[in-house]
C-alpha atoms as a PDB file:
ATOM      1  CA  MET A   1     -71.057 -62.643  -5.804  1.00  0.00           C
ATOM      2  CA  ALA A   2     -72.023 -63.070  -2.141  1.00  0.00           C
ATOM      3  CA  ARG A   3     -74.642 -65.720  -2.931  1.00  0.00           C
ATOM      4  CA  ASP A   4     -72.163 -67.685  -5.058  1.00  0.00           C
ATOM      5  CA  TRP A   5     -69.626 -67.546  -2.243  1.00  0.00           C
ATOM      6  CA  LEU A   6     -72.245 -68.598   0.321  1.00  0.00           C
ATOM      7  CA  ALA A   7     -73.191 -71.496  -1.962  1.00  0.00           C
ATOM      8  CA  LEU A   8     -69.629 -72.810  -1.621  1.00  0.00           C
ATOM      9  CA  ILE A   9     -70.041 -72.784   2.149  1.00  0.00           C
ATOM     10  CA  ASP A  10     -73.493 -74.372   1.868  1.00  0.00           C
ATOM     11  CA  ARG A  11     -71.953 -77.254  -0.121  1.00  0.00           C
ATOM     12  CA  GLY A  12     -69.164 -77.699   2.433  1.00  0.00           C
ATOM     13  CA  GLU A  13     -66.512 -76.367   0.044  1.00  0.00           C
ATOM     14  CA  TYR A  14     -64.788 -74.423   2.806  1.00  0.00           C
ATOM     15  CA  THR A  15     -61.284 -74.542   1.335  1.00  0.00           C
ATOM     16  CA  ARG A  16     -62.584 -73.288  -1.996  1.00  0.00           C
ATOM     17  CA  SER A  17     -64.489 -70.474  -0.254  1.00  0.00           C
ATOM     18  CA  TRP A  18     -61.217 -69.395   1.397  1.00  0.00           C
ATOM     19  CA  GLN A  19     -59.403 -69.561  -1.951  1.00  0.00           C
ATOM     20  CA  GLN A  20     -62.025 -67.339  -3.598  1.00  0.00           C
ATOM     21  CA  ALA A  21     -62.056 -64.809  -0.759  1.00  0.00           C
ATOM     22  CA  SER A  22     -60.120 -61.545  -0.778  1.00  0.00           C
ATOM     23  CA  LYS A  23     -56.454 -61.250   0.103  1.00  0.00           C
ATOM     24  CA  LEU A  24     -57.577 -59.281   3.165  1.00  0.00           C
ATOM     25  CA  PHE A  25     -59.660 -62.260   4.315  1.00  0.00           C
ATOM     26  CA  GLN A  26     -56.806 -64.678   3.650  1.00  0.00           C
ATOM     27  CA  ARG A  27     -54.368 -62.515   5.641  1.00  0.00           C
ATOM     28  CA  GLU A  28     -56.764 -62.314   8.577  1.00  0.00           C
ATOM     29  CA  ILE A  29     -57.481 -66.041   8.837  1.00  0.00           C
ATOM     30  CA  ALA A  30     -55.349 -68.946   7.666  1.00  0.00           C
ATOM     31  CA  ARG A  31     -57.059 -71.592   5.564  1.00  0.00           C
ATOM     32  CA  PRO A  32     -57.011 -74.338   8.251  1.00  0.00           C
ATOM     33  CA  ALA A  33     -58.409 -71.931  10.853  1.00  0.00           C
ATOM     34  CA  TRP A  34     -61.166 -70.817   8.438  1.00  0.00           C
ATOM     35  CA  VAL A  35     -62.142 -74.399   7.654  1.00  0.00           C
ATOM     36  CA  GLU A  36     -62.267 -75.263  11.354  1.00  0.00           C
ATOM     37  CA  ALA A  37     -64.266 -72.142  12.243  1.00  0.00           C
ATOM     38  CA  VAL A  38     -66.856 -72.492   9.500  1.00  0.00           C
ATOM     39  CA  GLU A  39     -67.245 -76.234  10.141  1.00  0.00           C
ATOM     40  CA  ALA A  40     -67.933 -75.474  13.798  1.00  0.00           C
ATOM     41  CA  ALA A  41     -70.339 -72.632  12.995  1.00  0.00           C
ATOM     42  CA  ARG A  42     -72.325 -74.630  10.443  1.00  0.00           C
ATOM     43  CA  HIS A  43     -72.081 -78.062  12.131  1.00  0.00           C
ATOM     44  CA  GLY A  44     -75.468 -79.729  12.320  1.00  0.00           C
ATOM     45  CA  SER A  45     -77.283 -76.852  10.639  1.00  0.00           C
ATOM     46  CA  GLY A  46     -78.223 -78.795   7.539  1.00  0.00           C
ATOM     47  CA  ALA A  47     -78.940 -77.264   4.170  1.00  0.00           C
ATOM     48  CA  PRO A  48     -80.200 -73.702   3.870  1.00  0.00           C
ATOM     49  CA  THR A  49     -83.944 -73.518   3.291  1.00  0.00           C
ATOM     50  CA  GLU A  50     -84.264 -69.757   3.120  1.00  0.00           C
ATOM     51  CA  ARG A  51     -81.915 -66.819   2.668  1.00  0.00           C
ATOM     52  CA  ALA A  52     -83.429 -63.362   2.308  1.00  0.00           C
ATOM     53  CA  LEU A  53     -81.345 -60.225   1.896  1.00  0.00           C
ATOM     54  CA  ILE A  54     -82.472 -57.755   4.553  1.00  0.00           C
ATOM     55  CA  SER A  55     -79.890 -54.991   4.272  1.00  0.00           C
ATOM     56  CA  VAL A  56     -77.049 -53.683   2.152  1.00  0.00           C
ATOM     57  CA  ALA A  57     -74.650 -51.014   3.360  1.00  0.00           C
ATOM     58  CA  ARG A  58     -71.706 -49.480   1.550  1.00  0.00           C
ATOM     59  CA  THR A  59     -68.862 -48.010   3.543  1.00  0.00           C
ATOM     60  CA  GLN A  60     -65.228 -47.001   3.266  1.00  0.00           C
ATOM     61  CA  LYS A  61     -64.393 -47.750   6.893  1.00  0.00           C
ATOM     62  CA  LEU A  62     -64.737 -50.830   9.057  1.00  0.00           C
ATOM     63  CA  PRO A  63     -63.040 -51.619  12.371  1.00  0.00           C
ATOM     64  CA  ASP A  64     -59.508 -53.021  12.229  1.00  0.00           C
ATOM     65  CA  VAL A  65     -59.148 -53.067   8.419  1.00  0.00           C
ATOM     66  CA  PRO A  66     -57.737 -50.565   5.910  1.00  0.00           C
ATOM     67  CA  GLU A  67     -60.047 -48.080   4.211  1.00  0.00           C
ATOM     68  CA  ASN A  68     -61.488 -49.470   0.991  1.00  0.00           C
ATOM     69  CA  ASP A  69     -64.823 -49.927  -0.772  1.00  0.00           C
ATOM     70  CA  TYR A  70     -66.816 -52.375   1.364  1.00  0.00           C
ATOM     71  CA  VAL A  71     -70.322 -53.738   0.961  1.00  0.00           C
ATOM     72  CA  VAL A  72     -71.950 -55.321   4.014  1.00  0.00           C
ATOM     73  CA  LEU A  73     -74.838 -57.672   3.221  1.00  0.00           C
ATOM     74  CA  VAL A  74     -77.108 -59.055   5.931  1.00  0.00           C
ATOM     75  CA  TYR A  75     -79.319 -62.083   5.282  1.00  0.00           C
ATOM     76  CA  ALA A  76     -82.126 -63.609   7.333  1.00  0.00           C
ATOM     77  CA  SER A  77     -81.475 -67.327   6.895  1.00  0.00           C
ATOM     78  CA  ARG A  78     -82.960 -70.644   7.929  1.00  0.00           C
ATOM     79  CA  PHE A  79     -81.424 -74.098   7.771  1.00  0.00           C
ATOM     80  CA  ASP A  80     -82.946 -77.591   7.914  1.00  0.00           C
ATOM     81  CA  ASN A  81     -81.881 -78.234  11.500  1.00  0.00           C
ATOM     82  CA  HIS A  82     -81.476 -74.741  12.882  1.00  0.00           C
ATOM     83  CA  ARG A  83     -83.605 -71.856  13.982  1.00  0.00           C
ATOM     84  CA  ALA A  84     -83.516 -68.563  12.122  1.00  0.00           C
ATOM     85  CA  VAL A  85     -80.059 -67.009  11.960  1.00  0.00           C
ATOM     86  CA  GLN A  86     -78.513 -63.851  10.618  1.00  0.00           C
ATOM     87  CA  GLU A  87     -75.641 -64.170   8.153  1.00  0.00           C
ATOM     88  CA  THR A  88     -73.430 -61.185   7.406  1.00  0.00           C
ATOM     89  CA  VAL A  89     -71.121 -61.191   4.406  1.00  0.00           C
ATOM     90  CA  THR A  90     -68.687 -58.329   3.921  1.00  0.00           C
ATOM     91  CA  LEU A  91     -67.333 -57.784   0.425  1.00  0.00           C
ATOM     92  CA  VAL A  92     -64.331 -55.681  -0.566  1.00  0.00           C
ATOM     93  CA  ARG A  93     -63.273 -54.362  -3.956  1.00  0.00           C
ATOM     94  CA  GLU A  94     -60.116 -56.154  -5.048  1.00  0.00           C
ATOM     95  CA  ASP A  95     -58.672 -56.658  -8.539  1.00  0.00           C
ATOM     96  CA  GLU A  96     -61.692 -54.939 -10.124  1.00  0.00           C
ATOM     97  CA  ALA A  97     -64.098 -57.369  -8.446  1.00  0.00           C
ATOM     98  CA  LEU A  98     -65.968 -57.726  -5.179  1.00  0.00           C
ATOM     99  CA  LYS A  99     -64.601 -60.542  -3.019  1.00  0.00           C
ATOM    100  CA  ALA A 100     -65.531 -61.876   0.393  1.00  0.00           C
ATOM    101  CA  ALA A 101     -63.760 -60.153   3.264  1.00  0.00           C
ATOM    102  CA  GLY A 102     -65.806 -61.480   6.176  1.00  0.00           C
ATOM    103  CA  TYR A 103     -68.535 -63.897   7.238  1.00  0.00           C
ATOM    104  CA  PHE A 104     -70.456 -63.884  10.490  1.00  0.00           C
ATOM    105  CA  LEU A 105     -73.276 -66.152  11.617  1.00  0.00           C
ATOM    106  CA  ARG A 106     -75.503 -65.146  14.536  1.00  0.00           C
END
């Protein structure tokens, strides 16, 4: 699920990535703000050339969000025009599925 969601971002389908994210995600960041933030974060990076999963952690608690079943995935990633970065995708169980609840690029 996380890779499919990241693929939307990779293709520049930022609005669609917001639409497919969890209700928690959508409550935390409005669609226009998400599009602006992810455009700024990924601007000039180019296409991903490598994305390797380096850690998976399951937890019930994360800062500033309700308790739930969360999965935090960390990827070591490279892009055409960017040095190595770390991408973190947080998933939450919602409607019997895992959906994106957060995305961070460092």
